[in-house]
């Protein structure tokens, strides 16, 4: 399942779908009279008895965040990533951990106790990254929001605890081989793209959509269902439609393009590899050959043209026909 996040609306197709299926009690309006989700609550029989948290599990879930949890988030983040408006990247927090750990711990605890003002902390710098060489419309840009790392730390600490509890309670069943801790992959995130890997059980879709509803309630950001797709594996098309209806999205099929690479459960066709040949050809068009020495040609070929297909080659074996086409361009 692939989705993206955008916009700010409480009366989303997800909520309408839930109301239609009688999974929630009521939706209270916002203060301005518009439909809201502050009053959304589960029906008493939504969870099975063996799916509910015990008193001990609930105590662990709502316990104060520890310094170790925060340290894990800080040191598992990319220290070279771009900072937010305050100019402090994760590298700063990692390098000066002994100096800032107490303040960070206090920050997270204040947020959890609803005693933290986010007016100046929760700000972003929006960078427009062009998708193409020549752009003429705002739609040809990727809007990238640079958030303060302090806010990322808060959100990641919450996410790690919630997802770890959901996994350990077996509420979200992932796919793939078991990892060292016996868990399976449930999600991949990059920028505003998210892929969920779930076993094809209705309860998994139900729990996942309620996770998203909680995200909407806390952040005001909704799932963009025009970009959300469910791709079934080893189930009938009818069952796939049922699962897509539960989540409120459309049914799709492989190959799926993610981070510029087509993902498929089969060998990629020559047509699906042609995008790499096109990229190599476009790189060549911008060069002025008669102004380059033989050494300059060799450097550009080795550092640019040869590097273009490496990303795809990390996942797939290149067909001989495609290799010959790229070699002709390089020569």
C-alpha atoms as a PDB file:
ATOM      1  CA  UNK A   1       0.000   0.000   0.000  1.00  0.00           C
ATOM      2  CA  UNK A   2       1.466   3.304  -1.037  1.00  0.00           C
ATOM      3  CA  UNK A   3       0.227   6.666   0.159  1.00  0.00           C
ATOM      4  CA  UNK A   4       1.196  10.306   0.468  1.00  0.00           C
ATOM      5  CA  UNK A   5       0.171  13.037   2.877  1.00  0.00           C
ATOM      6  CA  UNK A   6      -1.184  16.456   2.020  1.00  0.00           C
ATOM      7  CA  UNK A   7      -3.830  19.020   2.800  1.00  0.00           C
ATOM      8  CA  UNK A   8      -5.747  19.775   5.986  1.00  0.00           C
ATOM      9  CA  UNK A   9      -9.255  18.390   6.235  1.00  0.00           C
ATOM     10  CA  UNK A  10     -11.116  16.505   8.910  1.00  0.00           C
ATOM     11  CA  UNK A  11     -14.028  15.347   6.774  1.00  0.00           C
ATOM     12  CA  UNK A  12     -11.862  12.891   4.849  1.00  0.00           C
ATOM     13  CA  UNK A  13     -12.990   9.817   2.844  1.00  0.00           C
ATOM     14  CA  UNK A  14     -11.420   7.705   5.601  1.00  0.00           C
ATOM     15  CA  UNK A  15     -13.755   9.125   8.247  1.00  0.00           C
ATOM     16  CA  UNK A  16     -16.753   8.861   5.931  1.00  0.00           C
ATOM     17  CA  UNK A  17     -15.863   5.233   5.302  1.00  0.00           C
ATOM     18  CA  UNK A  18     -15.684   4.582   9.041  1.00  0.00           C
ATOM     19  CA  UNK A  19     -19.037   6.222   9.648  1.00  0.00           C
ATOM     20  CA  UNK A  20     -20.527   4.149   6.850  1.00  0.00           C
ATOM     21  CA  UNK A  21     -19.206   0.957   8.429  1.00  0.00           C
ATOM     22  CA  UNK A  22     -20.418   1.994  11.921  1.00  0.00           C
ATOM     23  CA  UNK A  23     -16.939   1.693  13.431  1.00  0.00           C
ATOM     24  CA  UNK A  24     -17.067   4.927  15.411  1.00  0.00           C
ATOM     25  CA  UNK A  25     -19.587   6.576  17.656  1.00  0.00           C
ATOM     26  CA  UNK A  26     -19.819  10.180  16.532  1.00  0.00           C
ATOM     27  CA  UNK A  27     -17.948  13.058  14.904  1.00  0.00           C
ATOM     28  CA  UNK A  28     -18.193  16.316  16.816  1.00  0.00           C
ATOM     29  CA  UNK A  29     -17.907  19.602  14.898  1.00  0.00           C
ATOM     30  CA  UNK A  30     -14.957  21.941  15.285  1.00  0.00           C
ATOM     31  CA  UNK A  31     -15.362  25.266  17.075  1.00  0.00           C
ATOM     32  CA  UNK A  32     -15.930  26.999  13.743  1.00  0.00           C
ATOM     33  CA  UNK A  33     -18.766  24.597  12.897  1.00  0.00           C
ATOM     34  CA  UNK A  34     -16.852  22.549  10.331  1.00  0.00           C
ATOM     35  CA  UNK A  35     -16.831  18.755  10.620  1.00  0.00           C
ATOM     36  CA  UNK A  36     -14.181  17.574  13.071  1.00  0.00           C
ATOM     37  CA  UNK A  37     -12.729  14.408  14.521  1.00  0.00           C
ATOM     38  CA  UNK A  38     -12.037  15.501  18.091  1.00  0.00           C
ATOM     39  CA  UNK A  39     -15.028  13.537  19.320  1.00  0.00           C
ATOM     40  CA  UNK A  40     -14.326  10.370  17.359  1.00  0.00           C
ATOM     41  CA  UNK A  41     -14.325   7.278  19.543  1.00  0.00           C
ATOM     42  CA  UNK A  42     -14.384   3.521  19.081  1.00  0.00           C
ATOM     43  CA  UNK A  43     -17.413   1.344  19.575  1.00  0.00           C
ATOM     44  CA  UNK A  44     -17.142  -0.785  22.723  1.00  0.00           C
ATOM     45  CA  UNK A  45     -16.827  -3.996  20.694  1.00  0.00           C
ATOM     46  CA  UNK A  46     -14.185  -2.672  18.244  1.00  0.00           C
ATOM     47  CA  UNK A  47     -11.368  -4.657  19.926  1.00  0.00           C
ATOM     48  CA  UNK A  48     -11.455  -8.336  20.706  1.00  0.00           C
ATOM     49  CA  UNK A  49     -10.687  -9.139  24.341  1.00  0.00           C
ATOM     50  CA  UNK A  50      -7.342 -10.753  23.504  1.00  0.00           C
ATOM     51  CA  UNK A  51      -6.369  -7.648  21.499  1.00  0.00           C
ATOM     52  CA  UNK A  52      -6.792  -5.192  24.369  1.00  0.00           C
ATOM     53  CA  UNK A  53      -3.839  -3.990  26.407  1.00  0.00           C
ATOM     54  CA  UNK A  54      -3.418  -5.339  29.881  1.00  0.00           C
ATOM     55  CA  UNK A  55      -3.070  -2.944  32.806  1.00  0.00           C
ATOM     56  CA  UNK A  56       0.678  -3.545  32.826  1.00  0.00           C
ATOM     57  CA  UNK A  57       1.025  -2.935  29.068  1.00  0.00           C
ATOM     58  CA  UNK A  58      -1.004   0.254  29.356  1.00  0.00           C
ATOM     59  CA  UNK A  59       1.190   1.415  32.237  1.00  0.00           C
ATOM     60  CA  UNK A  60       4.313   0.874  30.126  1.00  0.00           C
ATOM     61  CA  UNK A  61       2.757   2.646  27.129  1.00  0.00           C
ATOM     62  CA  UNK A  62       1.870   5.830  29.034  1.00  0.00           C
ATOM     63  CA  UNK A  63       4.962   5.883  31.244  1.00  0.00           C
ATOM     64  CA  UNK A  64       7.378   8.807  31.074  1.00  0.00           C
ATOM     65  CA  UNK A  65       9.796   8.787  28.172  1.00  0.00           C
ATOM     66  CA  UNK A  66      13.313   7.809  29.178  1.00  0.00           C
ATOM     67  CA  UNK A  67      16.606   9.362  28.216  1.00  0.00           C
ATOM     68  CA  UNK A  68      17.568   6.107  26.480  1.00  0.00           C
ATOM     69  CA  UNK A  69      14.533   6.290  24.172  1.00  0.00           C
ATOM     70  CA  UNK A  70      15.505   9.809  23.147  1.00  0.00           C
ATOM     71  CA  UNK A  71      19.159   8.842  22.662  1.00  0.00           C
ATOM     72  CA  UNK A  72      18.128   5.941  20.404  1.00  0.00           C
ATOM     73  CA  UNK A  73      16.134   8.329  18.184  1.00  0.00           C
ATOM     74  CA  UNK A  74      18.905  10.944  18.042  1.00  0.00           C
ATOM     75  CA  UNK A  75      21.702   8.527  17.140  1.00  0.00           C
ATOM     76  CA  UNK A  76      19.618   6.522  14.647  1.00  0.00           C
ATOM     77  CA  UNK A  77      18.920   9.685  12.620  1.00  0.00           C
ATOM     78  CA  UNK A  78      21.027  10.954   9.715  1.00  0.00           C
ATOM     79  CA  UNK A  79      23.515  13.459  11.115  1.00  0.00           C
ATOM     80  CA  UNK A  80      24.069  14.984   7.654  1.00  0.00           C
ATOM     81  CA  UNK A  81      20.376  15.731   7.060  1.00  0.00           C
ATOM     82  CA  UNK A  82      19.237  19.287   6.441  1.00  0.00           C
ATOM     83  CA  UNK A  83      18.283  21.239   9.593  1.00  0.00           C
ATOM     84  CA  UNK A  84      15.116  23.242  10.167  1.00  0.00           C
ATOM     85  CA  UNK A  85      14.777  27.008  10.774  1.00  0.00           C
ATOM     86  CA  UNK A  86      16.919  26.832  13.938  1.00  0.00           C
ATOM     87  CA  UNK A  87      19.910  25.582  11.910  1.00  0.00           C
ATOM     88  CA  UNK A  88      20.663  22.627  14.225  1.00  0.00           C
ATOM     89  CA  UNK A  89      21.019  19.256  12.401  1.00  0.00           C
ATOM     90  CA  UNK A  90      21.023  15.852  14.083  1.00  0.00           C
ATOM     91  CA  UNK A  91      24.823  15.962  13.895  1.00  0.00           C
ATOM     92  CA  UNK A  92      24.759  18.778  16.448  1.00  0.00           C
ATOM     93  CA  UNK A  93      22.668  16.764  18.900  1.00  0.00           C
ATOM     94  CA  UNK A  94      24.871  13.707  18.434  1.00  0.00           C
ATOM     95  CA  UNK A  95      28.147  15.575  18.873  1.00  0.00           C
ATOM     96  CA  UNK A  96      26.984  17.541  21.921  1.00  0.00           C
ATOM     97  CA  UNK A  97      24.782  14.808  23.387  1.00  0.00           C
ATOM     98  CA  UNK A  98      26.262  15.034  26.883  1.00  0.00           C
ATOM     99  CA  UNK A  99      25.500  18.764  26.963  1.00  0.00           C
ATOM    100  CA  UNK A 100      21.976  18.722  25.505  1.00  0.00           C
ATOM    101  CA  UNK A 101      20.553  15.392  26.718  1.00  0.00           C
ATOM    102  CA  UNK A 102      18.992  16.851  29.878  1.00  0.00           C
ATOM    103  CA  UNK A 103      17.341  19.710  27.978  1.00  0.00           C
ATOM    104  CA  UNK A 104      16.045  17.321  25.287  1.00  0.00           C
ATOM    105  CA  UNK A 105      14.630  15.002  27.921  1.00  0.00           C
ATOM    106  CA  UNK A 106      12.854  17.926  29.590  1.00  0.00           C
ATOM    107  CA  UNK A 107      11.527  19.040  26.190  1.00  0.00           C
ATOM    108  CA  UNK A 108       9.967  15.638  25.421  1.00  0.00           C
ATOM    109  CA  UNK A 109       8.496  15.321  28.922  1.00  0.00           C
ATOM    110  CA  UNK A 110       6.966  18.807  28.677  1.00  0.00           C
ATOM    111  CA  UNK A 111       5.376  17.885  25.350  1.00  0.00           C
ATOM    112  CA  UNK A 112       3.965  14.645  26.781  1.00  0.00           C
ATOM    113  CA  UNK A 113       2.485  16.606  29.711  1.00  0.00           C
ATOM    114  CA  UNK A 114       0.907  19.140  27.309  1.00  0.00           C
ATOM    115  CA  UNK A 115       3.014  21.893  28.882  1.00  0.00           C
ATOM    116  CA  UNK A 116       5.108  22.804  25.832  1.00  0.00           C
ATOM    117  CA  UNK A 117       4.313  25.792  23.624  1.00  0.00           C
ATOM    118  CA  UNK A 118       4.954  24.868  19.986  1.00  0.00           C
ATOM    119  CA  UNK A 119       4.410  28.361  18.607  1.00  0.00           C
ATOM    120  CA  UNK A 120       8.106  28.999  17.916  1.00  0.00           C
ATOM    121  CA  UNK A 121       9.340  25.416  17.882  1.00  0.00           C
ATOM    122  CA  UNK A 122       7.040  23.865  15.297  1.00  0.00           C
ATOM    123  CA  UNK A 123       8.042  25.953  12.279  1.00  0.00           C
ATOM    124  CA  UNK A 124       9.364  24.847   8.902  1.00  0.00           C
ATOM    125  CA  UNK A 125      11.286  26.155   5.924  1.00  0.00           C
ATOM    126  CA  UNK A 126       9.668  25.087   2.651  1.00  0.00           C
ATOM    127  CA  UNK A 127      12.167  24.442  -0.160  1.00  0.00           C
ATOM    128  CA  UNK A 128      10.997  24.028  -3.742  1.00  0.00           C
ATOM    129  CA  UNK A 129      13.085  21.404  -5.557  1.00  0.00           C
ATOM    130  CA  UNK A 130      12.601  21.382  -9.368  1.00  0.00           C
ATOM    131  CA  UNK A 131      11.537  18.049 -10.839  1.00  0.00           C
ATOM    132  CA  UNK A 132      12.852  18.983 -14.287  1.00  0.00           C
ATOM    133  CA  UNK A 133      15.681  21.032 -15.768  1.00  0.00           C
ATOM    134  CA  UNK A 134      13.403  23.832 -16.974  1.00  0.00           C
ATOM    135  CA  UNK A 135      10.300  24.566 -14.910  1.00  0.00           C
ATOM    136  CA  UNK A 136       7.427  26.877 -15.817  1.00  0.00           C
ATOM    137  CA  UNK A 137       4.807  25.885 -13.247  1.00  0.00           C
ATOM    138  CA  UNK A 138       4.664  25.458  -9.479  1.00  0.00           C
ATOM    139  CA  UNK A 139       3.465  21.889 -10.096  1.00  0.00           C
ATOM    140  CA  UNK A 140       6.919  21.063 -11.468  1.00  0.00           C
ATOM    141  CA  UNK A 141       8.499  21.462  -8.012  1.00  0.00           C
ATOM    142  CA  UNK A 142       8.781  19.085  -5.071  1.00  0.00           C
ATOM    143  CA  UNK A 143       7.816  21.028  -1.902  1.00  0.00           C
ATOM    144  CA  UNK A 144      10.178  19.844   0.848  1.00  0.00           C
ATOM    145  CA  UNK A 145       9.503  21.028   4.409  1.00  0.00           C
ATOM    146  CA  UNK A 146      12.573  21.335   6.625  1.00  0.00           C
ATOM    147  CA  UNK A 147      11.419  20.786  10.205  1.00  0.00           C
ATOM    148  CA  UNK A 148      13.409  21.568  13.347  1.00  0.00           C
ATOM    149  CA  UNK A 149      15.182  18.404  14.515  1.00  0.00           C
ATOM    150  CA  UNK A 150      13.830  19.005  18.034  1.00  0.00           C
ATOM    151  CA  UNK A 151      10.306  18.458  16.667  1.00  0.00           C
ATOM    152  CA  UNK A 152      11.476  15.398  14.740  1.00  0.00           C
ATOM    153  CA  UNK A 153      12.864  13.953  17.960  1.00  0.00           C
ATOM    154  CA  UNK A 154       9.494  14.354  19.681  1.00  0.00           C
ATOM    155  CA  UNK A 155       7.554  12.771  16.807  1.00  0.00           C
ATOM    156  CA  UNK A 156      10.044   9.911  16.368  1.00  0.00           C
ATOM    157  CA  UNK A 157      10.056   9.051  20.062  1.00  0.00           C
ATOM    158  CA  UNK A 158       6.248   8.813  19.977  1.00  0.00           C
ATOM    159  CA  UNK A 159       6.267   6.797  16.740  1.00  0.00           C
ATOM    160  CA  UNK A 160       8.866   4.290  17.954  1.00  0.00           C
ATOM    161  CA  UNK A 161       6.956   3.597  21.155  1.00  0.00           C
ATOM    162  CA  UNK A 162       3.555   3.282  19.439  1.00  0.00           C
ATOM    163  CA  UNK A 163       4.754   1.055  16.594  1.00  0.00           C
ATOM    164  CA  UNK A 164       6.823  -1.137  18.879  1.00  0.00           C
ATOM    165  CA  UNK A 165       3.766  -1.685  21.086  1.00  0.00           C
ATOM    166  CA  UNK A 166       1.549  -2.360  18.044  1.00  0.00           C
ATOM    167  CA  UNK A 167       4.024  -4.931  16.779  1.00  0.00           C
ATOM    168  CA  UNK A 168       4.564  -6.642  20.120  1.00  0.00           C
ATOM    169  CA  UNK A 169       0.803  -6.861  20.617  1.00  0.00           C
ATOM    170  CA  UNK A 170       0.609  -8.396  17.111  1.00  0.00           C
ATOM    171  CA  UNK A 171      -1.878  -5.748  15.983  1.00  0.00           C
ATOM    172  CA  UNK A 172       0.111  -4.849  12.848  1.00  0.00           C
ATOM    173  CA  UNK A 173       1.449  -7.954  11.130  1.00  0.00           C
ATOM    174  CA  UNK A 174       4.197  -7.135   8.657  1.00  0.00           C
ATOM    175  CA  UNK A 175       5.673  -9.086   5.750  1.00  0.00           C
ATOM    176  CA  UNK A 176       9.015 -10.596   4.805  1.00  0.00           C
ATOM    177  CA  UNK A 177      11.514 -12.697   6.754  1.00  0.00           C
ATOM    178  CA  UNK A 178      11.720 -12.247  10.508  1.00  0.00           C
ATOM    179  CA  UNK A 179      14.317  -9.786  11.749  1.00  0.00           C
ATOM    180  CA  UNK A 180      16.646 -10.427  14.678  1.00  0.00           C
ATOM    181  CA  UNK A 181      13.905  -9.525  17.153  1.00  0.00           C
ATOM    182  CA  UNK A 182      11.310 -11.724  15.448  1.00  0.00           C
ATOM    183  CA  UNK A 183       9.450  -8.756  13.934  1.00  0.00           C
ATOM    184  CA  UNK A 184       8.675  -8.205  10.264  1.00  0.00           C
ATOM    185  CA  UNK A 185       8.762  -5.056   8.158  1.00  0.00           C
ATOM    186  CA  UNK A 186       5.540  -3.035   8.406  1.00  0.00           C
ATOM    187  CA  UNK A 187       6.442   0.291   6.774  1.00  0.00           C
ATOM    188  CA  UNK A 188       8.978   2.307   4.786  1.00  0.00           C
ATOM    189  CA  UNK A 189       9.065   6.118   4.807  1.00  0.00           C
ATOM    190  CA  UNK A 190      10.837   8.669   2.654  1.00  0.00           C
ATOM    191  CA  UNK A 191       9.801  12.344   2.596  1.00  0.00           C
ATOM    192  CA  UNK A 192       6.030  12.266   1.961  1.00  0.00           C
ATOM    193  CA  UNK A 193       5.965   8.723   0.526  1.00  0.00           C
ATOM    194  CA  UNK A 194       4.947   5.819   2.751  1.00  0.00           C
ATOM    195  CA  UNK A 195       4.618   2.105   1.988  1.00  0.00           C
ATOM    196  CA  UNK A 196       2.829  -0.208   4.410  1.00  0.00           C
ATOM    197  CA  UNK A 197       3.543  -3.949   4.298  1.00  0.00           C
ATOM    198  CA  UNK A 198       0.672  -5.844   5.902  1.00  0.00           C
ATOM    199  CA  UNK A 199      -0.703  -9.357   5.808  1.00  0.00           C
ATOM    200  CA  UNK A 200      -3.978  -9.487   3.878  1.00  0.00           C
ATOM    201  CA  UNK A 201      -6.282  -9.638   6.894  1.00  0.00           C
ATOM    202  CA  UNK A 202      -9.172  -7.178   7.327  1.00  0.00           C
ATOM    203  CA  UNK A 203      -8.113  -6.496  10.931  1.00  0.00           C
ATOM    204  CA  UNK A 204      -4.696  -5.286   9.753  1.00  0.00           C
ATOM    205  CA  UNK A 205      -6.323  -2.749   7.443  1.00  0.00           C
ATOM    206  CA  UNK A 206      -8.710  -1.686  10.186  1.00  0.00           C
ATOM    207  CA  UNK A 207      -5.917  -1.100  12.691  1.00  0.00           C
ATOM    208  CA  UNK A 208      -3.804   0.714  10.100  1.00  0.00           C
ATOM    209  CA  UNK A 209      -6.599   3.117   9.165  1.00  0.00           C
ATOM    210  CA  UNK A 210      -7.235   3.888  12.825  1.00  0.00           C
ATOM    211  CA  UNK A 211      -3.552   4.693  13.186  1.00  0.00           C
ATOM    212  CA  UNK A 212      -3.979   7.138  10.306  1.00  0.00           C
ATOM    213  CA  UNK A 213      -7.122   8.589  11.878  1.00  0.00           C
ATOM    214  CA  UNK A 214      -5.149   9.248  15.048  1.00  0.00           C
ATOM    215  CA  UNK A 215      -2.491  10.929  12.898  1.00  0.00           C
ATOM    216  CA  UNK A 216      -5.194  13.155  11.355  1.00  0.00           C
ATOM    217  CA  UNK A 217      -6.600  14.039  14.772  1.00  0.00           C
ATOM    218  CA  UNK A 218      -3.199  15.016  16.198  1.00  0.00           C
ATOM    219  CA  UNK A 219      -1.657  16.770  13.206  1.00  0.00           C
ATOM    220  CA  UNK A 220      -4.537  18.080  11.079  1.00  0.00           C
ATOM    221  CA  UNK A 221      -2.913  16.417   8.037  1.00  0.00           C
ATOM    222  CA  UNK A 222      -4.920  13.848   6.131  1.00  0.00           C
ATOM    223  CA  UNK A 223      -4.111  11.004   3.797  1.00  0.00           C
ATOM    224  CA  UNK A 224      -4.317  11.979   0.144  1.00  0.00           C
ATOM    225  CA  UNK A 225      -6.535   9.153  -1.119  1.00  0.00           C
ATOM    226  CA  UNK A 226      -6.114  10.192  -4.747  1.00  0.00           C
ATOM    227  CA  UNK A 227      -2.510   8.940  -4.373  1.00  0.00           C
ATOM    228  CA  UNK A 228      -3.210   5.948  -2.139  1.00  0.00           C
ATOM    229  CA  UNK A 229      -3.102   2.465  -3.673  1.00  0.00           C
ATOM    230  CA  UNK A 230      -3.483  -1.065  -2.345  1.00  0.00           C
ATOM    231  CA  UNK A 231      -1.491  -3.738  -4.189  1.00  0.00           C
ATOM    232  CA  UNK A 232      -2.553  -7.295  -3.238  1.00  0.00           C
ATOM    233  CA  UNK A 233      -0.308 -10.360  -3.348  1.00  0.00           C
ATOM    234  CA  UNK A 234      -1.551 -13.948  -3.647  1.00  0.00           C
ATOM    235  CA  UNK A 235      -5.195 -13.096  -3.013  1.00  0.00           C
ATOM    236  CA  UNK A 236      -8.156 -12.927  -5.373  1.00  0.00           C
ATOM    237  CA  UNK A 237      -9.199  -9.624  -6.994  1.00  0.00           C
ATOM    238  CA  UNK A 238     -12.470  -9.810  -5.036  1.00  0.00           C
ATOM    239  CA  UNK A 239     -10.644 -10.039  -1.712  1.00  0.00           C
ATOM    240  CA  UNK A 240      -8.373  -7.201  -2.830  1.00  0.00           C
ATOM    241  CA  UNK A 241     -11.403  -4.983  -3.482  1.00  0.00           C
ATOM    242  CA  UNK A 242     -12.781  -5.784  -0.022  1.00  0.00           C
ATOM    243  CA  UNK A 243      -9.500  -4.756   1.629  1.00  0.00           C
ATOM    244  CA  UNK A 244      -9.252  -1.593  -0.471  1.00  0.00           C
ATOM    245  CA  UNK A 245     -12.800  -0.680   0.548  1.00  0.00           C
ATOM    246  CA  UNK A 246     -11.941  -1.161   4.226  1.00  0.00           C
ATOM    247  CA  UNK A 247      -9.054   1.296   3.943  1.00  0.00           C
ATOM    248  CA  UNK A 248     -10.927   3.598   1.554  1.00  0.00           C
ATOM    249  CA  UNK A 249      -8.409   3.550  -1.295  1.00  0.00           C
ATOM    250  CA  UNK A 250      -8.168   2.264  -4.863  1.00  0.00           C
ATOM    251  CA  UNK A 251      -6.847  -1.122  -5.991  1.00  0.00           C
ATOM    252  CA  UNK A 252      -3.685  -1.220  -8.108  1.00  0.00           C
ATOM    253  CA  UNK A 253      -1.020  -3.660  -9.288  1.00  0.00           C
ATOM    254  CA  UNK A 254       2.736  -3.936  -9.846  1.00  0.00           C
ATOM    255  CA  UNK A 255       5.052  -2.538 -11.092  1.00  0.00           C
ATOM    256  CA  UNK A 256       5.014   0.358  -8.644  1.00  0.00           C
ATOM    257  CA  UNK A 257       7.514   3.215  -8.924  1.00  0.00           C
ATOM    258  CA  UNK A 258       9.018   4.158  -5.557  1.00  0.00           C
ATOM    259  CA  UNK A 259      11.914   6.611  -5.196  1.00  0.00           C
ATOM    260  CA  UNK A 260      12.405   6.511  -8.960  1.00  0.00           C
ATOM    261  CA  UNK A 261      12.730   2.720  -9.187  1.00  0.00           C
ATOM    262  CA  UNK A 262       9.999   0.417 -10.533  1.00  0.00           C
ATOM    263  CA  UNK A 263       9.233  -2.289  -7.974  1.00  0.00           C
ATOM    264  CA  UNK A 264       7.949  -5.592  -9.319  1.00  0.00           C
ATOM    265  CA  UNK A 265       7.670  -9.245  -8.347  1.00  0.00           C
ATOM    266  CA  UNK A 266       8.733 -10.220 -11.862  1.00  0.00           C
ATOM    267  CA  UNK A 267      11.669  -9.539 -14.155  1.00  0.00           C
ATOM    268  CA  UNK A 268      11.524  -5.973 -15.479  1.00  0.00           C
ATOM    269  CA  UNK A 269      10.743  -5.661 -19.162  1.00  0.00           C
ATOM    270  CA  UNK A 270      12.946  -3.804 -21.642  1.00  0.00           C
ATOM    271  CA  UNK A 271      10.377  -0.997 -21.742  1.00  0.00           C
ATOM    272  CA  UNK A 272      10.642  -0.574 -17.961  1.00  0.00           C
ATOM    273  CA  UNK A 273      14.434  -0.299 -18.285  1.00  0.00           C
ATOM    274  CA  UNK A 274      14.203   2.292 -21.072  1.00  0.00           C
ATOM    275  CA  UNK A 275      13.947   5.121 -18.526  1.00  0.00           C
ATOM    276  CA  UNK A 276      17.626   4.512 -17.659  1.00  0.00           C
ATOM    277  CA  UNK A 277      18.668   4.800 -21.312  1.00  0.00           C
ATOM    278  CA  UNK A 278      16.684   8.052 -21.557  1.00  0.00           C
ATOM    279  CA  UNK A 279      18.445   9.469 -18.468  1.00  0.00           C
ATOM    280  CA  UNK A 280      21.884   8.651 -19.889  1.00  0.00           C
ATOM    281  CA  UNK A 281      20.967  10.221 -23.238  1.00  0.00           C
ATOM    282  CA  UNK A 282      19.690  13.418 -21.574  1.00  0.00           C
ATOM    283  CA  UNK A 283      22.920  13.743 -19.598  1.00  0.00           C
ATOM    284  CA  UNK A 284      24.892  13.605 -22.847  1.00  0.00           C
ATOM    285  CA  UNK A 285      22.805  16.261 -24.595  1.00  0.00           C
ATOM    286  CA  UNK A 286      24.042  19.013 -22.271  1.00  0.00           C
ATOM    287  CA  UNK A 287      27.726  18.444 -23.042  1.00  0.00           C
ATOM    288  CA  UNK A 288      29.691  20.412 -25.621  1.00  0.00           C
ATOM    289  CA  UNK A 289      31.951  17.739 -27.061  1.00  0.00           C
ATOM    290  CA  UNK A 290      34.337  19.938 -29.055  1.00  0.00           C
ATOM    291  CA  UNK A 291      35.310  21.854 -25.906  1.00  0.00           C
ATOM    292  CA  UNK A 292      36.386  18.741 -23.986  1.00  0.00           C
ATOM    293  CA  UNK A 293      39.743  17.010 -24.056  1.00  0.00           C
ATOM    294  CA  UNK A 294      40.041  13.237 -24.235  1.00  0.00           C
ATOM    295  CA  UNK A 295      40.664  13.201 -20.485  1.00  0.00           C
ATOM    296  CA  UNK A 296      37.575  15.353 -19.944  1.00  0.00           C
ATOM    297  CA  UNK A 297      35.466  12.948 -21.987  1.00  0.00           C
ATOM    298  CA  UNK A 298      36.789  10.006 -19.989  1.00  0.00           C
ATOM    299  CA  UNK A 299      36.102  11.711 -16.650  1.00  0.00           C
ATOM    300  CA  UNK A 300      32.526  12.604 -17.575  1.00  0.00           C
ATOM    301  CA  UNK A 301      31.800   9.129 -18.910  1.00  0.00           C
ATOM    302  CA  UNK A 302      33.141   7.380 -15.802  1.00  0.00           C
ATOM    303  CA  UNK A 303      31.755   9.761 -13.182  1.00  0.00           C
ATOM    304  CA  UNK A 304      28.390  10.626 -14.731  1.00  0.00           C
ATOM    305  CA  UNK A 305      27.143   8.258 -17.440  1.00  0.00           C
ATOM    306  CA  UNK A 306      28.420   5.102 -15.777  1.00  0.00           C
ATOM    307  CA  UNK A 307      26.916   6.168 -12.432  1.00  0.00           C
ATOM    308  CA  UNK A 308      23.368   6.706 -13.752  1.00  0.00           C
ATOM    309  CA  UNK A 309      22.299   3.014 -13.820  1.00  0.00           C
ATOM    310  CA  UNK A 310      24.026   2.047 -10.545  1.00  0.00           C
ATOM    311  CA  UNK A 311      20.910   2.732  -8.444  1.00  0.00           C
ATOM    312  CA  UNK A 312      18.822   0.320 -10.531  1.00  0.00           C
ATOM    313  CA  UNK A 313      21.669  -2.205 -10.650  1.00  0.00           C
ATOM    314  CA  UNK A 314      21.616  -2.423  -6.852  1.00  0.00           C
ATOM    315  CA  UNK A 315      18.222  -4.134  -7.211  1.00  0.00           C
ATOM    316  CA  UNK A 316      18.031  -5.719 -10.666  1.00  0.00           C
ATOM    317  CA  UNK A 317      20.261  -7.416 -13.223  1.00  0.00           C
ATOM    318  CA  UNK A 318      20.475  -5.297 -16.371  1.00  0.00           C
ATOM    319  CA  UNK A 319      19.353  -6.947 -19.627  1.00  0.00           C
ATOM    320  CA  UNK A 320      22.061  -7.321 -22.275  1.00  0.00           C
ATOM    321  CA  UNK A 321      20.047  -5.231 -24.753  1.00  0.00           C
ATOM    322  CA  UNK A 322      19.885  -2.273 -22.341  1.00  0.00           C
ATOM    323  CA  UNK A 323      23.599  -2.550 -21.534  1.00  0.00           C
ATOM    324  CA  UNK A 324      24.484  -2.379 -25.228  1.00  0.00           C
ATOM    325  CA  UNK A 325      22.276   0.701 -25.700  1.00  0.00           C
ATOM    326  CA  UNK A 326      24.008   2.472 -22.806  1.00  0.00           C
ATOM    327  CA  UNK A 327      27.451   1.449 -24.104  1.00  0.00           C
ATOM    328  CA  UNK A 328      26.617   2.983 -27.494  1.00  0.00           C
ATOM    329  CA  UNK A 329      25.770   6.278 -25.781  1.00  0.00           C
ATOM    330  CA  UNK A 330      28.944   6.169 -23.683  1.00  0.00           C
ATOM    331  CA  UNK A 331      31.114   5.527 -26.748  1.00  0.00           C
END
